[in-house]
Amino acid sequence: MIDFLTAKPVLIGLHLGFAILGIDAFLWLLGEFSADIANIKRRAWAAVIGCVGFIMTWIVGGYYYVKFYGPLVKPTILKGMAPWAHAIAMEAKEHIFLFVVPLALTGIFAALLDQETIQRLGLKRPLLWLVGTVAGLGLFIGALGFIISAAARWGVLQP
């Protein structure tokens, strides 16, 4: 049996941990934008922490993908009972994530806007949608990652 499930659990843990950090920070930012009291410093911290979390997820996940997923995990999934997990879930995960980092960077710039500018330009609702979308996409990508991991485990356990 291939030992890739235990070969680099630290990378998988870091990948997931940074993703959770990014999602949680954008949920925090969502709360900051929802509040009537503007605290630009807190919003900026939330946005930067979230963006850094997503960027680190990308770096760690990319390294894992090149080093372990491509040569070990992907072939196991493709030979297993759920090859669609790679063809659909992984492809969707890869392409959807390309939108997350630019949206998160936009969140940083939005966090630096003062309350008067947000109100004057009518940006509160669009900013809530932006920040909520980043968090929601992060959660959706996490669900896709679960599907991929389950397909990998299932592929290994098949006789």
C-alpha atoms as a PDB file:
ATOM      1  CA  MET A   1       0.000   0.000   0.000  1.00  0.00           C
ATOM      2  CA  ILE A   2       1.232   3.494  -0.841  1.00  0.00           C
ATOM      3  CA  ASP A   3       2.201   5.432   2.267  1.00  0.00           C
ATOM      4  CA  PHE A   4       1.337   8.902   0.907  1.00  0.00           C
ATOM      5  CA  LEU A   5      -1.453   9.352   3.459  1.00  0.00           C
ATOM      6  CA  THR A   6       1.133   9.589   6.231  1.00  0.00           C
ATOM      7  CA  ALA A   7       4.109  10.825   4.164  1.00  0.00           C
ATOM      8  CA  LYS A   8       3.507  14.548   4.560  1.00  0.00           C
ATOM      9  CA  PRO A   9       0.654  15.180   7.002  1.00  0.00           C
ATOM     10  CA  VAL A  10       2.396  18.360   8.118  1.00  0.00           C
ATOM     11  CA  LEU A  11       1.954  19.895   4.658  1.00  0.00           C
ATOM     12  CA  ILE A  12      -1.698  18.907   4.535  1.00  0.00           C
ATOM     13  CA  GLY A  13      -2.207  20.282   8.043  1.00  0.00           C
ATOM     14  CA  LEU A  14      -0.522  23.571   7.152  1.00  0.00           C
ATOM     15  CA  HIS A  15      -2.549  23.799   3.952  1.00  0.00           C
ATOM     16  CA  LEU A  16      -5.783  23.322   5.883  1.00  0.00           C
ATOM     17  CA  GLY A  17      -4.673  25.502   8.804  1.00  0.00           C
ATOM     18  CA  PHE A  18      -3.812  28.468   6.593  1.00  0.00           C
ATOM     19  CA  ALA A  19      -7.113  28.041   4.735  1.00  0.00           C
ATOM     20  CA  ILE A  20      -9.028  28.115   8.020  1.00  0.00           C
ATOM     21  CA  LEU A  21      -7.064  31.218   9.051  1.00  0.00           C
ATOM     22  CA  GLY A  22      -8.000  32.932   5.785  1.00  0.00           C
ATOM     23  CA  ILE A  23     -11.670  31.977   6.043  1.00  0.00           C
ATOM     24  CA  ASP A  24     -11.921  32.987   9.703  1.00  0.00           C
ATOM     25  CA  ALA A  25     -10.206  36.315   9.064  1.00  0.00           C
ATOM     26  CA  PHE A  26     -12.644  37.113   6.271  1.00  0.00           C
ATOM     27  CA  LEU A  27     -15.568  36.176   8.502  1.00  0.00           C
ATOM     28  CA  TRP A  28     -14.080  38.595  11.039  1.00  0.00           C
ATOM     29  CA  LEU A  29     -13.819  41.214   8.279  1.00  0.00           C
ATOM     30  CA  LEU A  30     -17.444  40.552   7.372  1.00  0.00           C
ATOM     31  CA  GLY A  31     -18.391  41.373  10.957  1.00  0.00           C
ATOM     32  CA  GLU A  32     -16.288  44.526  10.870  1.00  0.00           C
ATOM     33  CA  PHE A  33     -18.005  45.742   7.706  1.00  0.00           C
ATOM     34  CA  SER A  34     -21.414  44.863   9.179  1.00  0.00           C
ATOM     35  CA  ALA A  35     -20.808  46.995  12.272  1.00  0.00           C
ATOM     36  CA  ASP A  36     -21.845  50.631  12.222  1.00  0.00           C
ATOM     37  CA  ILE A  37     -18.697  51.659  14.062  1.00  0.00           C
ATOM     38  CA  ALA A  38     -15.752  51.891  11.684  1.00  0.00           C
ATOM     39  CA  ASN A  39     -12.413  50.611  12.888  1.00  0.00           C
ATOM     40  CA  ILE A  40     -10.101  50.756   9.908  1.00  0.00           C
ATOM     41  CA  LYS A  41      -7.181  49.299  11.865  1.00  0.00           C
ATOM     42  CA  ARG A  42      -9.144  46.150  12.840  1.00  0.00           C
ATOM     43  CA  ARG A  43     -10.537  45.792   9.314  1.00  0.00           C
ATOM     44  CA  ALA A  44      -7.042  46.116   7.867  1.00  0.00           C
ATOM     45  CA  TRP A  45      -5.672  43.486  10.255  1.00  0.00           C
ATOM     46  CA  ALA A  46      -8.484  41.077   9.405  1.00  0.00           C
ATOM     47  CA  ALA A  47      -8.005  41.592   5.659  1.00  0.00           C
ATOM     48  CA  VAL A  48      -4.218  41.227   5.780  1.00  0.00           C
ATOM     49  CA  ILE A  49      -4.363  38.122   7.994  1.00  0.00           C
ATOM     50  CA  GLY A  50      -6.959  36.585   5.673  1.00  0.00           C
ATOM     51  CA  CYS A  51      -5.014  37.392   2.534  1.00  0.00           C
ATOM     52  CA  VAL A  52      -1.764  36.058   3.995  1.00  0.00           C
ATOM     53  CA  GLY A  53      -3.613  32.904   5.072  1.00  0.00           C
ATOM     54  CA  PHE A  54      -4.891  32.318   1.538  1.00  0.00           C
ATOM     55  CA  ILE A  55      -1.499  33.041  -0.026  1.00  0.00           C
ATOM     56  CA  MET A  56       0.213  30.623   2.376  1.00  0.00           C
ATOM     57  CA  THR A  57      -2.452  28.016   1.589  1.00  0.00           C
ATOM     58  CA  TRP A  58      -1.608  28.466  -2.074  1.00  0.00           C
ATOM     59  CA  ILE A  59       2.147  28.103  -1.499  1.00  0.00           C
ATOM     60  CA  VAL A  60       1.923  25.064   0.787  1.00  0.00           C
ATOM     61  CA  GLY A  61      -0.785  23.427  -1.329  1.00  0.00           C
ATOM     62  CA  GLY A  62       1.191  24.076  -4.504  1.00  0.00           C
ATOM     63  CA  TYR A  63       4.292  22.470  -3.062  1.00  0.00           C
ATOM     64  CA  TYR A  64       2.265  19.459  -1.888  1.00  0.00           C
ATOM     65  CA  TYR A  65       0.578  19.210  -5.297  1.00  0.00           C
ATOM     66  CA  VAL A  66       3.852  19.171  -7.222  1.00  0.00           C
ATOM     67  CA  LYS A  67       5.793  16.984  -4.781  1.00  0.00           C
ATOM     68  CA  PHE A  68       3.155  14.459  -3.661  1.00  0.00           C
ATOM     69  CA  TYR A  69      -0.306  14.884  -5.164  1.00  0.00           C
ATOM     70  CA  GLY A  70       0.726  14.670  -8.826  1.00  0.00           C
ATOM     71  CA  PRO A  71       2.986  11.620  -8.594  1.00  0.00           C
ATOM     72  CA  LEU A  72       1.224   9.725  -5.759  1.00  0.00           C
ATOM     73  CA  VAL A  73      -2.305  10.822  -4.975  1.00  0.00           C
ATOM     74  CA  LYS A  74      -3.678  11.667  -8.414  1.00  0.00           C
ATOM     75  CA  PRO A  75      -2.874   8.243  -9.942  1.00  0.00           C
ATOM     76  CA  THR A  76      -4.481   6.535  -6.931  1.00  0.00           C
ATOM     77  CA  ILE A  77      -7.647   8.581  -7.344  1.00  0.00           C
ATOM     78  CA  LEU A  78      -7.760   8.013 -11.109  1.00  0.00           C
ATOM     79  CA  LYS A  79      -7.405   4.234 -10.655  1.00  0.00           C
ATOM     80  CA  GLY A  80      -9.920   4.133  -7.802  1.00  0.00           C
ATOM     81  CA  MET A  81     -13.696   4.080  -7.679  1.00  0.00           C
ATOM     82  CA  ALA A  82     -14.098   7.879  -7.914  1.00  0.00           C
ATOM     83  CA  PRO A  83     -11.863   9.244 -10.684  1.00  0.00           C
ATOM     84  CA  TRP A  84     -14.346  12.107 -11.046  1.00  0.00           C
ATOM     85  CA  ALA A  85     -12.990  13.457  -7.732  1.00  0.00           C
ATOM     86  CA  HIS A  86      -9.891  14.616  -9.556  1.00  0.00           C
ATOM     87  CA  ALA A  87     -11.562  15.468 -12.847  1.00  0.00           C
ATOM     88  CA  ILE A  88     -14.262  17.590 -11.230  1.00  0.00           C
ATOM     89  CA  ALA A  89     -13.424  18.452  -7.608  1.00  0.00           C
ATOM     90  CA  MET A  90      -9.693  19.093  -8.021  1.00  0.00           C
ATOM     91  CA  GLU A  91     -10.075  20.969 -11.286  1.00  0.00           C
ATOM     92  CA  ALA A  92     -12.810  23.131  -9.780  1.00  0.00           C
ATOM     93  CA  LYS A  93     -10.714  23.690  -6.647  1.00  0.00           C
ATOM     94  CA  GLU A  94      -7.693  24.773  -8.666  1.00  0.00           C
ATOM     95  CA  HIS A  95      -9.629  27.201 -10.856  1.00  0.00           C
ATOM     96  CA  ILE A  96     -11.894  28.672  -8.200  1.00  0.00           C
ATOM     97  CA  PHE A  97      -8.913  29.339  -5.941  1.00  0.00           C
ATOM     98  CA  LEU A  98      -7.390  31.541  -8.640  1.00  0.00           C
ATOM     99  CA  PHE A  99     -10.164  34.046  -7.862  1.00  0.00           C
ATOM    100  CA  VAL A 100      -9.753  33.949  -4.080  1.00  0.00           C
ATOM    101  CA  VAL A 101      -6.375  35.688  -3.760  1.00  0.00           C
ATOM    102  CA  PRO A 102      -7.260  38.659  -6.026  1.00  0.00           C
ATOM    103  CA  LEU A 103     -10.603  39.022  -4.226  1.00  0.00           C
ATOM    104  CA  ALA A 104      -8.787  38.868  -0.883  1.00  0.00           C
ATOM    105  CA  LEU A 105      -6.343  41.553  -2.050  1.00  0.00           C
ATOM    106  CA  THR A 106      -9.332  43.682  -3.020  1.00  0.00           C
ATOM    107  CA  GLY A 107     -10.585  43.115   0.529  1.00  0.00           C
ATOM    108  CA  ILE A 108      -7.405  44.726   1.865  1.00  0.00           C
ATOM    109  CA  PHE A 109      -7.963  47.871  -0.179  1.00  0.00           C
ATOM    110  CA  ALA A 110     -11.636  47.930   0.808  1.00  0.00           C
ATOM    111  CA  ALA A 111     -10.702  47.593   4.486  1.00  0.00           C
ATOM    112  CA  LEU A 112      -8.703  50.807   4.246  1.00  0.00           C
ATOM    113  CA  LEU A 113     -11.720  52.862   3.190  1.00  0.00           C
ATOM    114  CA  ASP A 114     -13.152  55.147   5.838  1.00  0.00           C
ATOM    115  CA  GLN A 115     -16.809  54.864   6.822  1.00  0.00           C
ATOM    116  CA  GLU A 116     -17.705  58.181   5.189  1.00  0.00           C
ATOM    117  CA  THR A 117     -16.358  57.031   1.807  1.00  0.00           C
ATOM    118  CA  ILE A 118     -18.149  53.711   2.087  1.00  0.00           C
ATOM    119  CA  GLN A 119     -21.444  55.474   2.823  1.00  0.00           C
ATOM    120  CA  ARG A 120     -20.963  58.222   0.236  1.00  0.00           C
ATOM    121  CA  LEU A 121     -20.255  55.726  -2.550  1.00  0.00           C
ATOM    122  CA  GLY A 122     -22.871  53.225  -1.376  1.00  0.00           C
ATOM    123  CA  LEU A 123     -20.272  50.476  -0.972  1.00  0.00           C
ATOM    124  CA  LYS A 124     -21.464  48.789   2.213  1.00  0.00           C
ATOM    125  CA  ARG A 125     -23.599  46.128   0.538  1.00  0.00           C
ATOM    126  CA  PRO A 126     -21.057  45.375  -2.272  1.00  0.00           C
ATOM    127  CA  LEU A 127     -18.274  45.099   0.321  1.00  0.00           C
ATOM    128  CA  LEU A 128     -20.356  42.707   2.399  1.00  0.00           C
ATOM    129  CA  TRP A 129     -20.899  40.615  -0.732  1.00  0.00           C
ATOM    130  CA  LEU A 130     -17.204  40.718  -1.615  1.00  0.00           C
ATOM    131  CA  VAL A 131     -16.003  39.660   1.814  1.00  0.00           C
ATOM    132  CA  GLY A 132     -18.767  37.072   2.208  1.00  0.00           C
ATOM    133  CA  THR A 133     -17.915  35.639  -1.211  1.00  0.00           C
ATOM    134  CA  VAL A 134     -14.262  35.214  -0.255  1.00  0.00           C
ATOM    135  CA  ALA A 135     -15.210  33.352   2.931  1.00  0.00           C
ATOM    136  CA  GLY A 136     -17.853  31.303   1.098  1.00  0.00           C
ATOM    137  CA  LEU A 137     -15.469  30.321  -1.690  1.00  0.00           C
ATOM    138  CA  GLY A 138     -12.934  29.271   0.936  1.00  0.00           C
ATOM    139  CA  LEU A 139     -15.524  27.024   2.578  1.00  0.00           C
ATOM    140  CA  PHE A 140     -16.596  25.579  -0.781  1.00  0.00           C
ATOM    141  CA  ILE A 141     -12.980  24.855  -1.724  1.00  0.00           C
ATOM    142  CA  GLY A 142     -12.585  23.121   1.633  1.00  0.00           C
ATOM    143  CA  ALA A 143     -15.549  20.875   0.824  1.00  0.00           C
ATOM    144  CA  LEU A 144     -13.932  20.023  -2.517  1.00  0.00           C
ATOM    145  CA  GLY A 145     -10.709  19.169  -0.668  1.00  0.00           C
ATOM    146  CA  PHE A 146     -12.664  16.787   1.555  1.00  0.00           C
ATOM    147  CA  ILE A 147     -14.054  15.035  -1.537  1.00  0.00           C
ATOM    148  CA  ILE A 148     -10.554  14.671  -2.982  1.00  0.00           C
ATOM    149  CA  SER A 149      -9.123  13.329   0.294  1.00  0.00           C
ATOM    150  CA  ALA A 150     -11.984  10.848   0.640  1.00  0.00           C
ATOM    151  CA  ALA A 151     -11.454   9.645  -2.935  1.00  0.00           C
ATOM    152  CA  ALA A 152      -7.731   9.184  -2.236  1.00  0.00           C
ATOM    153  CA  ARG A 153      -8.433   7.165   0.899  1.00  0.00           C
ATOM    154  CA  TRP A 154     -11.079   5.128  -0.882  1.00  0.00           C
ATOM    155  CA  GLY A 155      -8.682   4.440  -3.753  1.00  0.00           C
ATOM    156  CA  VAL A 156      -6.021   3.144  -1.373  1.00  0.00           C
ATOM    157  CA  LEU A 157      -8.474   0.953   0.512  1.00  0.00           C
ATOM    158  CA  GLN A 158      -9.850  -0.720  -2.620  1.00  0.00           C
ATOM    159  CA  PRO A 159      -8.542  -4.276  -3.139  1.00  0.00           C
END
